[in-house]
Amino acid sequence: MYRHDSGKAEGITRLSAMLAASLLLAAPLSADDNGMGWNQWSASALGKYVVTDDDRNDISYGAGFRFGLLHPLDHHWELELAGFGNILGRDERDGRDWQYGLGADFLYNLRPEGITPYGIAGAGGVFNDFSSGNEFGPYANIGVGLRLPVAWNRISVRAEARYYIDYADDAASNSRHDDARFFLGIQFPLFDPPVAPEPLVRTEVVERERVVERIPSLQRLDGVKFEFDSTRLDPNARIVLRRVAEDLAVHDHVTVNIEGHTDNQGGVDYNYVLSEGRANAVRDFLVEQGVEGDRITTEGFGLDKPIADNETVEGREINRRIEMRRTDQAQE
């Protein structure tokens, strides 16, 4: 612990060093090319309420903010680098105390998509600008959270409860303080996904053989996937749907219904909205490729029509699908 005239400057220097170390930690993630690369970074902004430890002398309440940068490590784990500020109010005399900190947390998502509960564990450093003096100390925290995606865009609402331990000697009080902190805010992506390269052009003979194939009465569009909890098509889905648009251009008498389906994760109403939104996204893309809009209808079935076991990861992946059903009378 540090309590002298240069404590504030030294604390800021230490926080700056922690920020530099965090950026070095994040650098390998930015160069990753396994689907969890630079374009997967997202940001968070949360407000907080602090239930303070009784040992914090006459401090009775606290509030603050927290900003973070998140990067997925795999389909369950995320790393979040965060900075925060707190204001701590006092009962017995005028004035307030301040805290500023930097840290890193690991988040474990219990489900890879949908309404997602998650666990939190992390640590960092905090600079305390107290009326009794300035000092720098470490902190650790654990907690739980819930992420609620908003279907019509890429923003998620986050709510968290965390248990904090910091080691900052507030005058005569205990040097260890145990606080409860409650957060509410949003999370949003920082980048659009990279544009997939155009598929290689095949020879004219092969292309003609492909497009004159009969369009079946019901076709599951394998390869049409979406970004996490979103109606946004992933790059591979665009490649698949360009070929579907070419087939529909040749068979210009064919009309179709695009049907969206989900697994059983999340609420019934949410899955209806998500499946319908994804079906509409497919229709919109086909129209962009030149297919007449009045030839395409859409429908979202949510979780009502599974074709595989929702109790397994593999089964849920199969159930998250887009199907194209012909609706014209004179089917081939």
Protein backbone atom coordinates (compact mmCIF):
# COMPACT_ATOMS: atom_id res chain seq x y z
CA MET A 1 0.00 0.00 0.00
CA TYR A 2 1.15 3.55 -0.74
CA ARG A 3 0.24 6.69 1.26
CA HIS A 4 2.36 9.76 0.45
CA ASP A 5 2.24 12.91 -1.66
CA SER A 6 3.21 11.11 -4.86
CA GLY A 7 0.67 8.31 -4.30
CA LYS A 8 -1.79 9.66 -6.84
CA ALA A 9 0.80 9.96 -9.61
CA GLU A 10 2.23 6.56 -8.77
CA GLY A 11 -1.25 4.99 -8.80
CA ILE A 12 -1.98 6.45 -12.23
CA THR A 13 1.38 5.17 -13.48
CA ARG A 14 0.54 1.68 -12.25
CA LEU A 15 -2.88 1.77 -13.92
CA SER A 16 -1.22 2.87 -17.17
CA ALA A 17 1.19 -0.05 -16.92
CA MET A 18 -1.74 -2.42 -16.39
CA LEU A 19 -3.47 -1.01 -19.48
CA ALA A 20 -0.33 -1.59 -21.56
CA ALA A 21 -0.10 -5.15 -20.27
CA SER A 22 -3.76 -5.72 -21.15
CA LEU A 23 -3.17 -4.54 -24.71
CA LEU A 24 -0.20 -6.89 -25.02
CA LEU A 25 -2.42 -9.72 -23.77
CA ALA A 26 -5.05 -8.85 -26.38
CA ALA A 27 -2.62 -8.57 -29.31
CA PRO A 28 -2.46 -12.32 -30.10
CA LEU A 29 -6.26 -12.38 -30.21
CA SER A 30 -6.30 -9.67 -32.85
CA ALA A 31 -4.16 -11.79 -35.13
CA ASP A 32 -6.26 -14.91 -34.68
CA ASP A 33 -7.81 -16.27 -37.86
CA ASN A 34 -9.82 -19.24 -36.55
CA GLY A 35 -13.19 -17.47 -36.61
CA MET A 36 -12.50 -15.67 -33.33
CA GLY A 37 -10.31 -12.94 -34.88
CA TRP A 38 -10.14 -9.15 -34.71
CA ASN A 39 -13.62 -8.66 -36.13
CA GLN A 40 -15.15 -10.47 -33.11
CA TRP A 41 -14.34 -7.70 -30.61
CA SER A 42 -17.33 -6.16 -28.84
CA ALA A 43 -17.73 -3.39 -26.27
CA SER A 44 -19.77 -3.05 -23.09
CA ALA A 45 -21.02 -0.03 -21.14
CA LEU A 46 -22.62 -0.61 -17.74
CA GLY A 47 -23.79 1.48 -14.83
CA LYS A 48 -23.38 0.13 -11.32
CA TYR A 49 -24.65 0.42 -7.76
CA VAL A 50 -22.25 -0.43 -4.92
CA VAL A 51 -23.37 -1.91 -1.60
CA THR A 52 -20.34 -1.00 0.49
CA ASP A 53 -18.58 -2.92 3.23
CA ASP A 54 -19.36 -1.75 6.80
CA ASP A 55 -15.61 -1.43 7.36
CA ARG A 56 -15.41 1.51 4.95
CA ASN A 57 -15.78 3.97 7.85
CA ASP A 58 -18.74 6.29 7.16
CA ILE A 59 -19.13 5.43 3.46
CA SER A 60 -22.76 4.43 2.97
CA TYR A 61 -23.30 3.98 -0.76
CA GLY A 62 -21.61 4.00 -4.11
CA ALA A 63 -22.35 4.25 -7.81
CA GLY A 64 -20.29 4.26 -10.95
CA PHE A 65 -19.68 3.11 -14.50
CA ARG A 66 -17.75 0.38 -16.26
CA PHE A 67 -16.54 0.12 -19.87
CA GLY A 68 -15.17 -3.10 -21.35
CA LEU A 69 -13.74 -4.71 -24.48
CA LEU A 70 -14.66 -8.38 -24.99
CA HIS A 71 -13.21 -11.07 -27.21
CA PRO A 72 -14.45 -14.69 -27.49
CA LEU A 73 -11.86 -17.38 -26.77
CA ASP A 74 -14.15 -20.19 -27.93
CA HIS A 75 -17.91 -20.79 -28.03
CA HIS A 76 -18.19 -20.55 -24.22
CA TRP A 77 -15.26 -18.50 -22.87
CA GLU A 78 -14.75 -14.74 -23.29
CA LEU A 79 -12.04 -12.36 -22.10
CA GLU A 80 -13.11 -8.87 -21.03
CA LEU A 81 -10.67 -6.01 -20.44
CA ALA A 82 -12.37 -3.26 -18.46
CA GLY A 83 -11.94 0.13 -16.87
CA PHE A 84 -14.22 1.54 -14.19
CA GLY A 85 -14.88 4.49 -11.92
CA ASN A 86 -16.80 4.67 -8.62
CA ILE A 87 -18.03 7.50 -6.44
CA LEU A 88 -18.47 6.62 -2.75
CA GLY A 89 -20.68 8.88 -0.61
CA ARG A 90 -20.06 9.56 3.08
CA ASP A 91 -22.59 9.94 5.91
CA GLU A 92 -20.75 11.84 8.60
CA ARG A 93 -19.10 14.63 6.61
CA ASP A 94 -19.40 16.32 3.29
CA GLY A 95 -17.36 15.08 0.38
CA ARG A 96 -16.97 11.94 -1.61
CA ASP A 97 -14.29 9.37 -2.27
CA TRP A 98 -13.38 8.14 -5.75
CA GLN A 99 -12.05 4.90 -7.19
CA TYR A 100 -10.61 4.21 -10.66
CA GLY A 101 -9.49 0.81 -11.86
CA LEU A 102 -8.46 -1.50 -14.68
CA GLY A 103 -8.84 -5.26 -14.78
CA ALA A 104 -9.45 -8.41 -16.77
CA ASP A 105 -12.29 -10.90 -16.37
CA PHE A 106 -13.02 -14.31 -17.81
CA LEU A 107 -16.68 -14.92 -18.67
CA TYR A 108 -18.06 -18.44 -19.09
CA ASN A 109 -21.30 -18.58 -21.07
CA LEU A 110 -23.47 -21.52 -20.02
CA ARG A 111 -25.12 -21.46 -23.45
CA PRO A 112 -23.48 -20.39 -26.71
CA GLU A 113 -26.51 -18.40 -27.90
CA GLY A 114 -29.94 -17.15 -26.89
CA ILE A 115 -30.64 -15.72 -23.45
CA THR A 116 -27.29 -16.53 -21.85
CA PRO A 117 -26.44 -16.88 -18.15
CA TYR A 118 -22.72 -16.65 -17.45
CA GLY A 119 -20.16 -16.79 -14.68
CA ILE A 120 -17.47 -14.17 -14.01
CA ALA A 121 -14.03 -14.27 -12.38
CA GLY A 122 -11.27 -11.71 -12.63
CA ALA A 123 -8.81 -9.36 -10.97
CA GLY A 124 -7.05 -6.05 -11.46
CA GLY A 125 -5.87 -2.90 -9.76
CA VAL A 126 -7.73 0.06 -8.25
CA PHE A 127 -6.55 3.59 -7.46
CA ASN A 128 -8.30 5.07 -4.43
CA ASP A 129 -8.64 8.85 -4.23
CA PHE A 130 -9.86 9.03 -0.62
CA SER A 131 -10.24 12.09 1.57
CA SER A 132 -7.79 10.38 3.92
CA GLY A 133 -5.16 9.88 1.22
CA ASN A 134 -4.39 8.33 -2.17
CA GLU A 135 -3.22 4.78 -2.77
CA PHE A 136 -3.16 1.88 -5.20
CA GLY A 137 -4.16 -1.70 -4.41
CA PRO A 138 -5.29 -4.96 -6.02
CA TYR A 139 -8.82 -6.28 -6.29
CA ALA A 140 -10.53 -9.55 -7.23
CA ASN A 141 -14.12 -10.30 -8.13
CA ILE A 142 -16.49 -13.15 -8.92
CA GLY A 143 -20.08 -13.01 -10.04
CA VAL A 144 -22.92 -14.08 -12.28
CA GLY A 145 -24.64 -12.36 -15.16
CA LEU A 146 -27.39 -12.65 -17.75
CA ARG A 147 -27.16 -11.50 -21.36
CA LEU A 148 -30.44 -10.82 -23.21
CA PRO A 149 -30.05 -10.34 -26.98
CA VAL A 150 -32.26 -7.89 -28.85
CA ALA A 151 -33.54 -9.72 -31.92
CA TRP A 152 -33.74 -6.81 -34.35
CA ASN A 153 -30.19 -5.62 -34.00
CA ARG A 154 -26.88 -6.76 -32.55
CA ILE A 155 -27.15 -5.14 -29.12
CA SER A 156 -27.49 -7.24 -25.96
CA VAL A 157 -28.64 -6.12 -22.52
CA ARG A 158 -26.41 -7.28 -19.64
CA ALA A 159 -27.30 -7.57 -15.95
CA GLU A 160 -24.71 -8.69 -13.39
CA ALA A 161 -24.11 -9.16 -9.67
CA ARG A 162 -20.48 -9.27 -8.50
CA TYR A 163 -18.70 -9.81 -5.18
CA TYR A 164 -15.61 -7.57 -4.97
CA ILE A 165 -12.64 -7.78 -2.62
CA ASP A 166 -10.17 -4.89 -2.65
CA TYR A 167 -7.25 -4.11 -0.41
CA ALA A 168 -7.27 -0.36 0.17
CA ASP A 169 -6.59 0.99 3.66
CA ASP A 170 -9.22 3.69 4.30
CA ALA A 171 -7.71 5.49 7.30
CA ALA A 172 -8.31 3.40 10.43
CA SER A 173 -10.59 0.87 8.80
CA ASN A 174 -9.77 -2.65 7.78
CA SER A 175 -7.49 -2.77 4.73
CA ARG A 176 -9.70 -5.42 3.11
CA HIS A 177 -13.16 -4.48 1.90
CA ASP A 178 -15.87 -6.80 0.59
CA ASP A 179 -18.46 -5.02 -1.57
CA ALA A 180 -21.47 -6.19 -3.57
CA ARG A 181 -21.84 -4.49 -6.93
CA PHE A 182 -24.82 -4.64 -9.29
CA PHE A 183 -24.56 -3.74 -12.97
CA LEU A 184 -26.96 -3.00 -15.83
CA GLY A 185 -25.96 -1.99 -19.34
CA ILE A 186 -25.44 -3.00 -22.94
CA GLN A 187 -22.99 -4.92 -25.12
CA PHE A 188 -22.50 -4.34 -28.84
CA PRO A 189 -20.08 -5.47 -31.60
CA LEU A 190 -17.37 -3.11 -32.77
CA PHE A 191 -16.92 -4.47 -36.29
CA ASP A 192 -18.90 -5.93 -39.14
CA PRO A 193 -17.77 -9.43 -40.11
CA PRO A 194 -15.30 -9.62 -43.01
CA VAL A 195 -16.80 -9.95 -46.46
CA ALA A 196 -16.36 -13.48 -47.76
CA PRO A 197 -14.48 -13.81 -51.05
CA GLU A 198 -16.57 -14.52 -54.08
CA PRO A 199 -16.71 -18.22 -54.96
CA LEU A 200 -14.48 -19.35 -57.78
CA VAL A 201 -16.20 -19.21 -61.14
CA ARG A 202 -16.60 -22.66 -62.60
CA THR A 203 -16.64 -23.48 -66.30
CA GLU A 204 -19.74 -22.65 -68.28
CA VAL A 205 -20.59 -26.31 -68.82
CA VAL A 206 -20.48 -27.14 -65.11
CA GLU A 207 -22.51 -24.05 -64.20
CA ARG A 208 -25.24 -24.92 -66.66
CA GLU A 209 -25.42 -28.44 -65.29
CA ARG A 210 -25.96 -27.01 -61.82
CA VAL A 211 -28.62 -24.40 -62.50
CA VAL A 212 -30.91 -26.60 -64.58
CA GLU A 213 -31.37 -29.07 -61.73
CA ARG A 214 -34.95 -29.49 -60.53
CA ILE A 215 -35.92 -27.44 -57.47
CA PRO A 216 -37.39 -29.92 -54.94
CA SER A 217 -40.69 -29.33 -53.17
CA LEU A 218 -38.88 -28.94 -49.82
CA GLN A 219 -35.21 -28.13 -49.48
CA ARG A 220 -33.18 -27.58 -46.32
CA LEU A 221 -30.68 -24.85 -47.09
CA ASP A 222 -27.61 -26.39 -45.48
CA GLY A 223 -24.89 -23.83 -44.96
CA VAL A 224 -27.26 -20.92 -44.35
CA LYS A 225 -26.18 -19.82 -40.88
CA PHE A 226 -26.40 -16.56 -38.97
CA GLU A 227 -24.25 -14.57 -36.61
CA PHE A 228 -24.67 -15.28 -32.91
CA ASP A 229 -28.23 -14.40 -31.77
CA SER A 230 -28.75 -12.32 -34.89
CA THR A 231 -30.65 -12.17 -38.16
CA ARG A 232 -27.42 -11.23 -39.96
CA LEU A 233 -26.28 -13.81 -42.52
CA ASP A 234 -22.77 -15.15 -42.13
CA PRO A 235 -20.41 -15.00 -45.15
CA ASN A 236 -20.90 -18.66 -46.13
CA ALA A 237 -24.70 -18.23 -46.12
CA ARG A 238 -24.36 -15.51 -48.75
CA ILE A 239 -22.45 -17.88 -51.02
CA VAL A 240 -25.13 -20.57 -50.66
CA LEU A 241 -27.98 -18.12 -51.26
CA ARG A 242 -26.37 -16.68 -54.40
CA ARG A 243 -26.63 -20.18 -55.89
CA VAL A 244 -30.26 -20.46 -54.76
CA ALA A 245 -30.98 -17.12 -56.46
CA GLU A 246 -29.39 -18.39 -59.68
CA ASP A 247 -31.60 -21.49 -59.60
CA LEU A 248 -34.72 -19.39 -59.02
CA ALA A 249 -33.72 -17.10 -61.89
CA VAL A 250 -33.64 -20.07 -64.29
CA HIS A 251 -36.86 -21.60 -62.90
CA ASP A 252 -38.70 -18.28 -63.03
CA HIS A 253 -42.14 -19.89 -62.65
CA VAL A 254 -41.27 -21.27 -59.18
CA THR A 255 -42.59 -19.56 -56.04
CA VAL A 256 -41.31 -20.45 -52.59
CA ASN A 257 -41.92 -19.99 -48.87
CA ILE A 258 -38.80 -19.44 -46.73
CA GLU A 259 -39.26 -21.11 -43.34
CA GLY A 260 -37.15 -20.29 -40.28
CA HIS A 261 -36.64 -22.72 -37.37
CA THR A 262 -34.77 -22.54 -34.05
CA ASP A 263 -33.75 -24.93 -31.29
CA ASN A 264 -35.44 -24.96 -27.87
CA GLN A 265 -33.00 -22.58 -26.17
CA GLY A 266 -34.67 -19.37 -24.98
CA GLY A 267 -38.30 -18.34 -24.71
CA VAL A 268 -41.04 -19.38 -27.11
CA ASP A 269 -41.91 -15.83 -28.16
CA TYR A 270 -38.28 -14.87 -28.62
CA ASN A 271 -37.67 -17.87 -30.89
CA TYR A 272 -40.71 -17.03 -33.01
CA VAL A 273 -39.36 -13.52 -33.54
CA LEU A 274 -35.84 -14.78 -34.25
CA SER A 275 -36.95 -17.45 -36.74
CA GLU A 276 -39.21 -15.02 -38.61
CA GLY A 277 -36.45 -12.41 -38.69
CA ARG A 278 -34.00 -14.92 -40.13
CA ALA A 279 -36.48 -16.05 -42.79
CA ASN A 280 -37.02 -12.41 -43.76
CA ALA A 281 -33.25 -11.88 -43.95
CA VAL A 282 -33.00 -14.76 -46.46
CA ARG A 283 -35.85 -13.32 -48.53
CA ASP A 284 -34.27 -9.86 -48.52
CA PHE A 285 -30.95 -11.26 -49.73
CA LEU A 286 -32.59 -13.24 -52.55
CA VAL A 287 -34.44 -10.10 -53.66
CA GLU A 288 -31.13 -8.22 -53.65
CA GLN A 289 -29.82 -10.91 -56.01
CA GLY A 290 -32.63 -10.21 -58.48
CA VAL A 291 -35.39 -12.65 -57.48
CA GLU A 292 -38.82 -11.00 -57.66
CA GLY A 293 -40.14 -10.27 -54.18
CA ASP A 294 -43.68 -11.44 -54.97
CA ARG A 295 -42.34 -14.95 -55.60
CA ILE A 296 -41.13 -15.33 -52.00
CA THR A 297 -43.12 -15.54 -48.77
CA THR A 298 -41.70 -16.13 -45.29
CA GLU A 299 -42.74 -17.83 -42.07
CA GLY A 300 -41.12 -18.35 -38.68
CA PHE A 301 -41.91 -21.53 -36.74
CA GLY A 302 -39.62 -20.92 -33.76
CA LEU A 303 -38.99 -24.15 -31.86
CA ASP A 304 -42.22 -25.88 -32.96
CA LYS A 305 -40.81 -28.24 -35.62
CA PRO A 306 -37.58 -29.90 -34.47
CA ILE A 307 -36.06 -32.56 -36.72
CA ALA A 308 -33.35 -33.65 -34.26
CA ASP A 309 -32.84 -34.11 -30.52
CA ASN A 310 -32.71 -30.74 -28.76
CA GLU A 311 -30.98 -32.37 -25.78
CA THR A 312 -27.67 -32.56 -27.68
CA VAL A 313 -25.46 -29.82 -29.09
CA GLU A 314 -25.46 -31.52 -32.47
CA GLY A 315 -29.23 -31.85 -32.50
CA ARG A 316 -29.76 -28.20 -31.61
CA GLU A 317 -27.44 -27.15 -34.42
CA ILE A 318 -29.49 -29.19 -36.92
CA ASN A 319 -32.74 -27.67 -35.63
CA ARG A 320 -31.43 -24.12 -36.20
CA ARG A 321 -32.17 -24.16 -39.92
CA ILE A 322 -33.73 -22.48 -42.94
CA GLU A 323 -35.96 -24.46 -45.30
CA MET A 324 -37.33 -23.48 -48.72
CA ARG A 325 -40.73 -24.93 -49.65
CA ARG A 326 -42.21 -24.60 -53.14
CA THR A 327 -45.67 -23.03 -53.28
CA ASP A 328 -46.34 -22.97 -57.04
CA GLN A 329 -49.06 -25.33 -58.27
CA ALA A 330 -47.30 -26.87 -61.28
CA GLN A 331 -44.29 -28.35 -59.51
CA GLU A 332 -41.74 -30.15 -61.64
